[in-house]
Each structure stands twice: as C-alpha cells, then as structure tokens.
Amino acid sequence: RILRVSPQGDWSVVAEYDGEPNGLALRHDGTLLIADYKNGVLSLDPATGVVSPFLTRRNSERFKGPNDLVVARNGDVYFTDQGQTGLHDPTGRVYRLRPDGR
C-alpha cells in the first residue's frame, strides 16, 4: 500500500496493489515513481491511485529488486537494483534512465 499523511496527521490509502514498494520519488509532472522490489519501477498517479508499469526490465533482463530512487532536476531517474546481493554476490547495480528513454 502507498499511504498519504496530511499535515494534520490524518492518513489515507492512495494505492493498494500486488507489490513490495521500497522507495518513492516525485516526478516533475506530479506523478510518483515507485521502486518496487517485486515489479521493477512503477508509476503512480496520486490523484487517481492508478499504478502502472514504468520500467520493468533492462533489455530482456528482469531487475533483481529495485530499492531506492531519485529524480534529478533534469528528469533523469536514478535507482538501485540490488535484490539480495552484497559482498557475497556483488552484482547489484545503479541505473540512470534519461527522459529520452536511454
């Protein structure tokens, strides 16, 4: 679930879906990006609560488990994809997705 908390401390459910959200970032158009461990990077329209795929694969490879993300001033999206990697399996990555899709 993705929750909204008002300045007064009231909370409400914005979206509920089958996933494992780990991080959120606000895009310049007002939508939110979700780093979702299970589903990749998703897009959320906070006005409607609609969650849709944004980036679920790189080429033909699924992600290990996106965790954190940030949107830069120029619109580039940076996110980590480490899954269960660590010193025992150093294959986690940091990705950058440019606004033009590269």
PDB file of N, CA and C in Angstrom:
ATOM      1  N   ARG A   1       0.832  -1.183   0.000  1.00  0.00           N
ATOM      2  CA  ARG A   1       0.000   0.000   0.000  1.00  0.00           C
ATOM      3  C   ARG A   1       0.874   1.242   0.000  1.00  0.00           C
ATOM      4  N   ILE A   2       0.385   2.275  -0.619  1.00  0.00           N
ATOM      5  CA  ILE A   2       1.008   3.596  -0.583  1.00  0.00           C
ATOM      6  C   ILE A   2       0.037   4.484   0.188  1.00  0.00           C
ATOM      7  N   LEU A   3       0.546   5.124   1.231  1.00  0.00           N
ATOM      8  CA  LEU A   3      -0.288   5.949   2.108  1.00  0.00           C
ATOM      9  C   LEU A   3       0.044   7.419   1.957  1.00  0.00           C
ATOM     10  N   ARG A   4      -0.934   8.271   2.246  1.00  0.00           N
ATOM     11  CA  ARG A   4      -0.760   9.730   2.264  1.00  0.00           C
ATOM     12  C   ARG A   4      -1.020  10.195   3.688  1.00  0.00           C
ATOM     13  N   VAL A   5      -0.139  11.045   4.199  1.00  0.00           N
ATOM     14  CA  VAL A   5      -0.316  11.616   5.527  1.00  0.00           C
ATOM     15  C   VAL A   5      -0.454  13.125   5.366  1.00  0.00           C
ATOM     16  N   SER A   6      -1.525  13.680   5.904  1.00  0.00           N
ATOM     17  CA  SER A   6      -1.764  15.126   5.806  1.00  0.00           C
ATOM     18  C   SER A   6      -0.907  15.856   6.841  1.00  0.00           C
ATOM     19  N   PRO A   7      -0.746  17.167   6.688  1.00  0.00           N
ATOM     20  CA  PRO A   7      -0.016  17.947   7.692  1.00  0.00           C
ATOM     21  C   PRO A   7      -0.641  17.836   9.089  1.00  0.00           C
ATOM     22  N   GLN A   8      -1.934  17.510   9.154  1.00  0.00           N
ATOM     23  CA  GLN A   8      -2.610  17.361  10.442  1.00  0.00           C
ATOM     24  C   GLN A   8      -2.425  15.963  11.035  1.00  0.00           C
ATOM     25  N   GLY A   9      -1.789  15.076  10.294  1.00  0.00           N
ATOM     26  CA  GLY A   9      -1.544  13.717  10.790  1.00  0.00           C
ATOM     27  C   GLY A   9      -2.582  12.697  10.372  1.00  0.00           C
ATOM     28  N   ASP A  10      -3.558  13.118   9.568  1.00  0.00           N
ATOM     29  CA  ASP A  10      -4.553  12.168   9.062  1.00  0.00           C
ATOM     30  C   ASP A  10      -3.936  11.385   7.910  1.00  0.00           C
ATOM     31  N   TRP A  11      -4.255  10.100   7.811  1.00  0.00           N
ATOM     32  CA  TRP A  11      -3.703   9.302   6.723  1.00  0.00           C
ATOM     33  C   TRP A  11      -4.801   8.623   5.937  1.00  0.00           C
ATOM     34  N   SER A  12      -4.471   8.327   4.667  1.00  0.00           N
ATOM     35  CA  SER A  12      -5.401   7.637   3.777  1.00  0.00           C
ATOM     36  C   SER A  12      -4.601   6.778   2.807  1.00  0.00           C
ATOM     37  N   VAL A  13      -5.258   5.776   2.261  1.00  0.00           N
ATOM     38  CA  VAL A  13      -4.627   4.896   1.280  1.00  0.00           C
ATOM     39  C   VAL A  13      -4.730   5.549  -0.094  1.00  0.00           C
ATOM     40  N   VAL A  14      -3.584   5.735  -0.746  1.00  0.00           N
ATOM     41  CA  VAL A  14      -3.553   6.291  -2.100  1.00  0.00           C
ATOM     42  C   VAL A  14      -3.683   5.164  -3.117  1.00  0.00           C
ATOM     43  N   ALA A  15      -2.960   4.064  -2.871  1.00  0.00           N
ATOM     44  CA  ALA A  15      -2.989   2.930  -3.802  1.00  0.00           C
ATOM     45  C   ALA A  15      -2.692   1.645  -3.052  1.00  0.00           C
ATOM     46  N   GLU A  16      -3.298   0.582  -3.523  1.00  0.00           N
ATOM     47  CA  GLU A  16      -3.026  -0.749  -2.992  1.00  0.00           C
ATOM     48  C   GLU A  16      -2.880  -1.665  -4.193  1.00  0.00           C
ATOM     49  N   TYR A  17      -1.785  -2.401  -4.257  1.00  0.00           N
ATOM     50  CA  TYR A  17      -1.516  -3.258  -5.406  1.00  0.00           C
ATOM     51  C   TYR A  17      -0.660  -4.435  -4.958  1.00  0.00           C
ATOM     52  N   ASP A  18      -0.476  -5.411  -5.836  1.00  0.00           N
ATOM     53  CA  ASP A  18       0.321  -6.586  -5.539  1.00  0.00           C
ATOM     54  C   ASP A  18       1.791  -6.281  -5.805  1.00  0.00           C
ATOM     55  N   GLY A  19       2.497  -5.848  -4.789  1.00  0.00           N
ATOM     56  CA  GLY A  19       3.900  -5.498  -4.947  1.00  0.00           C
ATOM     57  C   GLY A  19       4.583  -5.310  -3.614  1.00  0.00           C
ATOM     58  N   GLU A  20       5.822  -4.866  -3.671  1.00  0.00           N
ATOM     59  CA  GLU A  20       6.634  -4.625  -2.484  1.00  0.00           C
ATOM     60  C   GLU A  20       7.348  -3.283  -2.640  1.00  0.00           C
ATOM     61  N   PRO A  21       6.639  -2.163  -2.374  1.00  0.00           N
ATOM     62  CA  PRO A  21       7.234  -0.844  -2.573  1.00  0.00           C
ATOM     63  C   PRO A  21       8.364  -0.568  -1.579  1.00  0.00           C
ATOM     64  N   ASN A  22       9.464  -0.057  -2.106  1.00  0.00           N
ATOM     65  CA  ASN A  22      10.636   0.250  -1.284  1.00  0.00           C
ATOM     66  C   ASN A  22      10.980   1.735  -1.267  1.00  0.00           C
ATOM     67  N   GLY A  23      10.679   2.456  -2.322  1.00  0.00           N
ATOM     68  CA  GLY A  23      11.036   3.865  -2.391  1.00  0.00           C
ATOM     69  C   GLY A  23      10.090   4.615  -3.299  1.00  0.00           C
ATOM     70  N   LEU A  24       9.955   5.923  -3.041  1.00  0.00           N
ATOM     71  CA  LEU A  24       9.105   6.797  -3.848  1.00  0.00           C
ATOM     72  C   LEU A  24       9.884   8.037  -4.254  1.00  0.00           C
ATOM     73  N   ALA A  25       9.582   8.547  -5.442  1.00  0.00           N
ATOM     74  CA  ALA A  25      10.170   9.810  -5.887  1.00  0.00           C
ATOM     75  C   ALA A  25       9.138  10.561  -6.713  1.00  0.00           C
ATOM     76  N   LEU A  26       9.060  11.863  -6.495  1.00  0.00           N
ATOM     77  CA  LEU A  26       8.118  12.714  -7.209  1.00  0.00           C
ATOM     78  C   LEU A  26       8.730  13.161  -8.526  1.00  0.00           C
ATOM     79  N   ARG A  27       7.970  12.978  -9.611  1.00  0.00           N
ATOM     80  CA  ARG A  27       8.402  13.451 -10.928  1.00  0.00           C
ATOM     81  C   ARG A  27       7.892  14.864 -11.138  1.00  0.00           C
ATOM     82  N   HIS A  28       8.451  15.552 -12.121  1.00  0.00           N
ATOM     83  CA  HIS A  28       8.083  16.941 -12.395  1.00  0.00           C
ATOM     84  C   HIS A  28       6.631  17.099 -12.831  1.00  0.00           C
ATOM     85  N   ASP A  29       6.032  16.031 -13.374  1.00  0.00           N
ATOM     86  CA  ASP A  29       4.634  16.104 -13.814  1.00  0.00           C
ATOM     87  C   ASP A  29       3.640  15.792 -12.701  1.00  0.00           C
ATOM     88  N   GLY A  30       4.140  15.558 -11.472  1.00  0.00           N
ATOM     89  CA  GLY A  30       3.264  15.296 -10.334  1.00  0.00           C
ATOM     90  C   GLY A  30       3.000  13.829 -10.065  1.00  0.00           C
ATOM     91  N   THR A  31       3.426  12.947 -10.973  1.00  0.00           N
ATOM     92  CA  THR A  31       3.280  11.524 -10.704  1.00  0.00           C
ATOM     93  C   THR A  31       4.411  11.066  -9.787  1.00  0.00           C
ATOM     94  N   LEU A  32       4.202   9.927  -9.168  1.00  0.00           N
ATOM     95  CA  LEU A  32       5.226   9.341  -8.308  1.00  0.00           C
ATOM     96  C   LEU A  32       5.811   8.114  -8.990  1.00  0.00           C
ATOM     97  N   LEU A  33       7.097   7.894  -8.804  1.00  0.00           N
ATOM     98  CA  LEU A  33       7.722   6.653  -9.222  1.00  0.00           C
ATOM     99  C   LEU A  33       7.907   5.794  -7.983  1.00  0.00           C
ATOM    100  N   ILE A  34       7.686   4.508  -8.135  1.00  0.00           N
ATOM    101  CA  ILE A  34       7.826   3.553  -7.042  1.00  0.00           C
ATOM    102  C   ILE A  34       8.934   2.575  -7.390  1.00  0.00           C
ATOM    103  N   ALA A  35       9.944   2.464  -6.530  1.00  0.00           N
ATOM    104  CA  ALA A  35      10.922   1.391  -6.656  1.00  0.00           C
ATOM    105  C   ALA A  35      10.307   0.196  -5.961  1.00  0.00           C
ATOM    106  N   ASP A  36       9.901  -0.789  -6.743  1.00  0.00           N
ATOM    107  CA  ASP A  36       9.165  -1.931  -6.204  1.00  0.00           C
ATOM    108  C   ASP A  36      10.025  -3.187  -6.345  1.00  0.00           C
ATOM    109  N   TYR A  37      10.318  -3.821  -5.231  1.00  0.00           N
ATOM    110  CA  TYR A  37      11.187  -4.995  -5.208  1.00  0.00           C
ATOM    111  C   TYR A  37      10.680  -6.103  -6.130  1.00  0.00           C
ATOM    112  N   LYS A  38       9.386  -6.266  -6.202  1.00  0.00           N
ATOM    113  CA  LYS A  38       8.776  -7.361  -6.963  1.00  0.00           C
ATOM    114  C   LYS A  38       8.539  -7.021  -8.438  1.00  0.00           C
ATOM    115  N   ASN A  39       8.168  -5.768  -8.732  1.00  0.00           N
ATOM    116  CA  ASN A  39       7.684  -5.404 -10.064  1.00  0.00           C
ATOM    117  C   ASN A  39       8.547  -4.441 -10.861  1.00  0.00           C
ATOM    118  N   GLY A  40       9.682  -4.013 -10.345  1.00  0.00           N
ATOM    119  CA  GLY A  40      10.503  -3.039 -11.061  1.00  0.00           C
ATOM    120  C   GLY A  40      10.156  -1.624 -10.644  1.00  0.00           C
ATOM    121  N   VAL A  41      10.211  -0.699 -11.590  1.00  0.00           N
ATOM    122  CA  VAL A  41       9.873   0.696 -11.312  1.00  0.00           C
ATOM    123  C   VAL A  41       8.476   0.947 -11.868  1.00  0.00           C
ATOM    124  N   LEU A  42       7.608   1.443 -11.006  1.00  0.00           N
ATOM    125  CA  LEU A  42       6.210   1.677 -11.358  1.00  0.00           C
ATOM    126  C   LEU A  42       5.897   3.157 -11.301  1.00  0.00           C
ATOM    127  N   SER A  43       4.811   3.546 -11.947  1.00  0.00           N
ATOM    128  CA  SER A  43       4.335   4.925 -11.919  1.00  0.00           C
ATOM    129  C   SER A  43       3.004   4.951 -11.167  1.00  0.00           C
ATOM    130  N   LEU A  44       2.820   5.962 -10.343  1.00  0.00           N
ATOM    131  CA  LEU A  44       1.588   6.124  -9.568  1.00  0.00           C
ATOM    132  C   LEU A  44       1.029   7.515  -9.810  1.00  0.00           C
ATOM    133  N   ASP A  45      -0.224   7.572 -10.219  1.00  0.00           N
ATOM    134  CA  ASP A  45      -0.942   8.835 -10.324  1.00  0.00           C
ATOM    135  C   ASP A  45      -1.603   9.066  -8.971  1.00  0.00           C
ATOM    136  N   PRO A  46      -1.100  10.005  -8.155  1.00  0.00           N
ATOM    137  CA  PRO A  46      -1.653  10.185  -6.814  1.00  0.00           C
ATOM    138  C   PRO A  46      -3.093  10.696  -6.806  1.00  0.00           C
ATOM    139  N   ALA A  47      -3.556  11.285  -7.889  1.00  0.00           N
ATOM    140  CA  ALA A  47      -4.930  11.782  -7.943  1.00  0.00           C
ATOM    141  C   ALA A  47      -5.926  10.637  -8.105  1.00  0.00           C
ATOM    142  N   THR A  48      -5.549   9.605  -8.860  1.00  0.00           N
ATOM    143  CA  THR A  48      -6.471   8.507  -9.139  1.00  0.00           C
ATOM    144  C   THR A  48      -6.111   7.214  -8.412  1.00  0.00           C
ATOM    145  N   GLY A  49      -4.858   7.106  -7.957  1.00  0.00           N
ATOM    146  CA  GLY A  49      -4.402   5.879  -7.319  1.00  0.00           C
ATOM    147  C   GLY A  49      -4.020   4.778  -8.298  1.00  0.00           C
ATOM    148  N   VAL A  50      -3.985   5.092  -9.590  1.00  0.00           N
ATOM    149  CA  VAL A  50      -3.647   4.104 -10.612  1.00  0.00           C
ATOM    150  C   VAL A  50      -2.141   3.855 -10.622  1.00  0.00           C
ATOM    151  N   VAL A  51      -1.766   2.580 -10.492  1.00  0.00           N
ATOM    152  CA  VAL A  51      -0.376   2.155 -10.542  1.00  0.00           C
ATOM    153  C   VAL A  51      -0.166   1.435 -11.867  1.00  0.00           C
ATOM    154  N   SER A  52       0.886   1.822 -12.597  1.00  0.00           N
ATOM    155  CA  SER A  52       1.163   1.191 -13.888  1.00  0.00           C
ATOM    156  C   SER A  52       2.664   0.970 -14.048  1.00  0.00           C
ATOM    157  N   PRO A  53       3.051   0.015 -14.896  1.00  0.00           N
ATOM    158  CA  PRO A  53       4.477  -0.233 -15.123  1.00  0.00           C
ATOM    159  C   PRO A  53       5.153   0.995 -15.722  1.00  0.00           C
ATOM    160  N   PHE A  54       6.355   1.284 -15.281  1.00  0.00           N
ATOM    161  CA  PHE A  54       7.168   2.368 -15.830  1.00  0.00           C
ATOM    162  C   PHE A  54       8.414   1.778 -16.476  1.00  0.00           C
ATOM    163  N   LEU A  55       9.123   0.919 -15.750  1.00  0.00           N
ATOM    164  CA  LEU A  55      10.315   0.244 -16.267  1.00  0.00           C
ATOM    165  C   LEU A  55      10.444  -1.076 -15.515  1.00  0.00           C
ATOM    166  N   THR A  56      10.144  -2.167 -16.189  1.00  0.00           N
ATOM    167  CA  THR A  56      10.143  -3.470 -15.527  1.00  0.00           C
ATOM    168  C   THR A  56      11.324  -4.345 -15.921  1.00  0.00           C
ATOM    169  N   ARG A  57      12.051  -3.952 -16.968  1.00  0.00           N
ATOM    170  CA  ARG A  57      13.198  -4.722 -17.457  1.00  0.00           C
ATOM    171  C   ARG A  57      14.243  -3.795 -18.039  1.00  0.00           C
ATOM    172  N   ARG A  58      15.457  -4.274 -18.074  1.00  0.00           N
ATOM    173  CA  ARG A  58      16.516  -3.631 -18.856  1.00  0.00           C
ATOM    174  C   ARG A  58      16.867  -4.616 -19.947  1.00  0.00           C
ATOM    175  N   ASN A  59      16.646  -4.219 -21.190  1.00  0.00           N
ATOM    176  CA  ASN A  59      16.732  -5.137 -22.329  1.00  0.00           C
ATOM    177  C   ASN A  59      15.762  -6.285 -22.047  1.00  0.00           C
ATOM    178  N   SER A  60      16.192  -7.517 -22.008  1.00  0.00           N
ATOM    179  CA  SER A  60      15.275  -8.619 -21.727  1.00  0.00           C
ATOM    180  C   SER A  60      15.404  -9.134 -20.297  1.00  0.00           C
ATOM    181  N   GLU A  61      16.252  -8.508 -19.496  1.00  0.00           N
ATOM    182  CA  GLU A  61      16.538  -8.980 -18.139  1.00  0.00           C
ATOM    183  C   GLU A  61      15.655  -8.284 -17.105  1.00  0.00           C
ATOM    184  N   ARG A  62      14.993  -9.071 -16.265  1.00  0.00           N
ATOM    185  CA  ARG A  62      14.214  -8.502 -15.151  1.00  0.00           C
ATOM    186  C   ARG A  62      15.175  -7.961 -14.098  1.00  0.00           C
ATOM    187  N   PHE A  63      14.701  -7.036 -13.296  1.00  0.00           N
ATOM    188  CA  PHE A  63      15.520  -6.484 -12.224  1.00  0.00           C
ATOM    189  C   PHE A  63      15.598  -7.448 -11.049  1.00  0.00           C
ATOM    190  N   LYS A  64      16.655  -7.312 -10.251  1.00  0.00           N
ATOM    191  CA  LYS A  64      16.854  -8.151  -9.063  1.00  0.00           C
ATOM    192  C   LYS A  64      15.914  -7.725  -7.927  1.00  0.00           C
ATOM    193  N   GLY A  65      15.639  -6.437  -7.842  1.00  0.00           N
ATOM    194  CA  GLY A  65      14.790  -5.905  -6.783  1.00  0.00           C
ATOM    195  C   GLY A  65      15.110  -4.440  -6.527  1.00  0.00           C
ATOM    196  N   PRO A  66      14.506  -3.523  -7.313  1.00  0.00           N
ATOM    197  CA  PRO A  66      14.754  -2.095  -7.094  1.00  0.00           C
ATOM    198  C   PRO A  66      14.429  -1.677  -5.662  1.00  0.00           C
ATOM    199  N   ASN A  67      15.239  -0.763  -5.155  1.00  0.00           N
ATOM    200  CA  ASN A  67      15.105  -0.377  -3.758  1.00  0.00           C
ATOM    201  C   ASN A  67      14.912   1.121  -3.565  1.00  0.00           C
ATOM    202  N   ASP A  68      15.799   1.932  -4.037  1.00  0.00           N
ATOM    203  CA  ASP A  68      15.726   3.381  -3.828  1.00  0.00           C
ATOM    204  C   ASP A  68      15.756   4.072  -5.182  1.00  0.00           C
ATOM    205  N   LEU A  69      15.166   5.265  -5.245  1.00  0.00           N
ATOM    206  CA  LEU A  69      15.255   6.028  -6.474  1.00  0.00           C
ATOM    207  C   LEU A  69      15.140   7.515  -6.193  1.00  0.00           C
ATOM    208  N   VAL A  70      15.629   8.293  -7.156  1.00  0.00           N
ATOM    209  CA  VAL A  70      15.574   9.749  -7.071  1.00  0.00           C
ATOM    210  C   VAL A  70      15.401  10.279  -8.485  1.00  0.00           C
ATOM    211  N   VAL A  71      14.696  11.409  -8.608  1.00  0.00           N
ATOM    212  CA  VAL A  71      14.532  12.071  -9.892  1.00  0.00           C
ATOM    213  C   VAL A  71      15.360  13.352  -9.844  1.00  0.00           C
ATOM    214  N   ALA A  72      16.300  13.490 -10.771  1.00  0.00           N
ATOM    215  CA  ALA A  72      17.161  14.673 -10.839  1.00  0.00           C
ATOM    216  C   ALA A  72      16.394  15.850 -11.440  1.00  0.00           C
ATOM    217  N   ARG A  73      16.940  17.035 -11.285  1.00  0.00           N
ATOM    218  CA  ARG A  73      16.291  18.245 -11.814  1.00  0.00           C
ATOM    219  C   ARG A  73      16.040  18.170 -13.314  1.00  0.00           C
ATOM    220  N   ASN A  74      16.938  17.509 -14.045  1.00  0.00           N
ATOM    221  CA  ASN A  74      16.790  17.408 -15.497  1.00  0.00           C
ATOM    222  C   ASN A  74      15.855  16.267 -15.915  1.00  0.00           C
ATOM    223  N   GLY A  75      15.271  15.537 -14.950  1.00  0.00           N
ATOM    224  CA  GLY A  75      14.340  14.465 -15.248  1.00  0.00           C
ATOM    225  C   GLY A  75      14.952  13.079 -15.269  1.00  0.00           C
ATOM    226  N   ASP A  76      16.287  12.983 -15.180  1.00  0.00           N
ATOM    227  CA  ASP A  76      16.919  11.671 -15.103  1.00  0.00           C
ATOM    228  C   ASP A  76      16.442  10.948 -13.849  1.00  0.00           C
ATOM    229  N   VAL A  77      16.210   9.643 -13.981  1.00  0.00           N
ATOM    230  CA  VAL A  77      15.806   8.813 -12.851  1.00  0.00           C
ATOM    231  C   VAL A  77      16.965   7.889 -12.513  1.00  0.00           C
ATOM    232  N   TYR A  78      17.413   7.937 -11.273  1.00  0.00           N
ATOM    233  CA  TYR A  78      18.460   7.042 -10.780  1.00  0.00           C
ATOM    234  C   TYR A  78      17.812   6.082  -9.794  1.00  0.00           C
ATOM    235  N   PHE A  79      18.154   4.791  -9.923  1.00  0.00           N
ATOM    236  CA  PHE A  79      17.624   3.831  -8.956  1.00  0.00           C
ATOM    237  C   PHE A  79      18.610   2.687  -8.754  1.00  0.00           C
ATOM    238  N   THR A  80      18.545   2.104  -7.563  1.00  0.00           N
ATOM    239  CA  THR A  80      19.380   0.948  -7.249  1.00  0.00           C
ATOM    240  C   THR A  80      18.602  -0.323  -7.533  1.00  0.00           C
ATOM    241  N   ASP A  81      19.349  -1.351  -7.882  1.00  0.00           N
ATOM    242  CA  ASP A  81      18.759  -2.665  -8.135  1.00  0.00           C
ATOM    243  C   ASP A  81      19.700  -3.705  -7.558  1.00  0.00           C
ATOM    244  N   GLN A  82      19.537  -3.975  -6.278  1.00  0.00           N
ATOM    245  CA  GLN A  82      20.460  -4.916  -5.658  1.00  0.00           C
ATOM    246  C   GLN A  82      19.837  -6.239  -5.275  1.00  0.00           C
ATOM    247  N   GLY A  83      18.520  -6.329  -5.142  1.00  0.00           N
ATOM    248  CA  GLY A  83      17.922  -7.598  -4.738  1.00  0.00           C
ATOM    249  C   GLY A  83      18.553  -8.083  -3.448  1.00  0.00           C
ATOM    250  N   GLN A  84      19.021  -9.314  -3.437  1.00  0.00           N
ATOM    251  CA  GLN A  84      19.679  -9.891  -2.254  1.00  0.00           C
ATOM    252  C   GLN A  84      21.193  -9.926  -2.419  1.00  0.00           C
ATOM    253  N   THR A  85      21.738  -9.017  -3.241  1.00  0.00           N
ATOM    254  CA  THR A  85      23.177  -9.000  -3.454  1.00  0.00           C
ATOM    255  C   THR A  85      23.891  -8.379  -2.264  1.00  0.00           C
ATOM    256  N   GLY A  86      25.174  -8.508  -2.232  1.00  0.00           N
ATOM    257  CA  GLY A  86      26.016  -7.963  -1.167  1.00  0.00           C
ATOM    258  C   GLY A  86      27.443  -8.376  -1.437  1.00  0.00           C
ATOM    259  N   LEU A  87      28.259  -8.431  -0.395  1.00  0.00           N
ATOM    260  CA  LEU A  87      29.647  -8.829  -0.578  1.00  0.00           C
ATOM    261  C   LEU A  87      29.764 -10.245  -1.136  1.00  0.00           C
ATOM    262  N   HIS A  88      28.800 -11.110  -0.813  1.00  0.00           N
ATOM    263  CA  HIS A  88      28.819 -12.485  -1.315  1.00  0.00           C
ATOM    264  C   HIS A  88      28.422 -12.563  -2.792  1.00  0.00           C
ATOM    265  N   ASP A  89      27.728 -11.555  -3.297  1.00  0.00           N
ATOM    266  CA  ASP A  89      27.257 -11.521  -4.684  1.00  0.00           C
ATOM    267  C   ASP A  89      27.224 -10.063  -5.139  1.00  0.00           C
ATOM    268  N   PRO A  90      28.359  -9.518  -5.569  1.00  0.00           N
ATOM    269  CA  PRO A  90      28.437  -8.080  -5.890  1.00  0.00           C
ATOM    270  C   PRO A  90      27.911  -7.732  -7.282  1.00  0.00           C
ATOM    271  N   THR A  91      26.690  -8.183  -7.609  1.00  0.00           N
ATOM    272  CA  THR A  91      26.137  -7.914  -8.935  1.00  0.00           C
ATOM    273  C   THR A  91      25.033  -6.852  -8.929  1.00  0.00           C
ATOM    274  N   GLY A  92      24.787  -6.220  -7.789  1.00  0.00           N
ATOM    275  CA  GLY A  92      23.800  -5.147  -7.745  1.00  0.00           C
ATOM    276  C   GLY A  92      24.262  -3.977  -8.600  1.00  0.00           C
ATOM    277  N   ARG A  93      23.332  -3.123  -9.002  1.00  0.00           N
ATOM    278  CA  ARG A  93      23.655  -2.022  -9.908  1.00  0.00           C
ATOM    279  C   ARG A  93      22.928  -0.746  -9.521  1.00  0.00           C
ATOM    280  N   VAL A  94      23.446   0.359 -10.053  1.00  0.00           N
ATOM    281  CA  VAL A  94      22.761   1.642 -10.012  1.00  0.00           C
ATOM    282  C   VAL A  94      22.476   1.996 -11.465  1.00  0.00           C
ATOM    283  N   TYR A  95      21.223   2.343 -11.753  1.00  0.00           N
ATOM    284  CA  TYR A  95      20.815   2.679 -13.109  1.00  0.00           C
ATOM    285  C   TYR A  95      20.459   4.152 -13.219  1.00  0.00           C
ATOM    286  N   ARG A  96      20.624   4.673 -14.428  1.00  0.00           N
ATOM    287  CA  ARG A  96      20.122   6.006 -14.765  1.00  0.00           C
ATOM    288  C   ARG A  96      19.260   5.869 -16.005  1.00  0.00           C
ATOM    289  N   LEU A  97      18.045   6.391 -15.936  1.00  0.00           N
ATOM    290  CA  LEU A  97      17.155   6.433 -17.090  1.00  0.00           C
ATOM    291  C   LEU A  97      16.935   7.878 -17.452  1.00  0.00           C
ATOM    292  N   ARG A  98      17.312   8.248 -18.656  1.00  0.00           N
ATOM    293  CA  ARG A  98      17.150   9.618 -19.120  1.00  0.00           C
ATOM    294  C   ARG A  98      15.720   9.853 -19.618  1.00  0.00           C
ATOM    295  N   PRO A  99      15.275  11.095 -19.666  1.00  0.00           N
ATOM    296  CA  PRO A  99      13.911  11.385 -20.139  1.00  0.00           C
ATOM    297  C   PRO A  99      13.646  10.885 -21.555  1.00  0.00           C
ATOM    298  N   ASP A 100      14.695  10.758 -22.376  1.00  0.00           N
ATOM    299  CA  ASP A 100      14.504  10.279 -23.752  1.00  0.00           C
ATOM    300  C   ASP A 100      14.477   8.749 -23.844  1.00  0.00           C
ATOM    301  N   GLY A 101      14.534   8.054 -22.693  1.00  0.00           N
ATOM    302  CA  GLY A 101      14.445   6.606 -22.682  1.00  0.00           C
ATOM    303  C   GLY A 101      15.773   5.866 -22.694  1.00  0.00           C
ATOM    304  N   ARG A 102      16.886   6.568 -22.850  1.00  0.00           N
ATOM    305  CA  ARG A 102      18.198   5.899 -22.826  1.00  0.00           C
ATOM    306  C   ARG A 102      18.630   5.667 -21.411  1.00  0.00           C
TER     307      ARG A 102
END
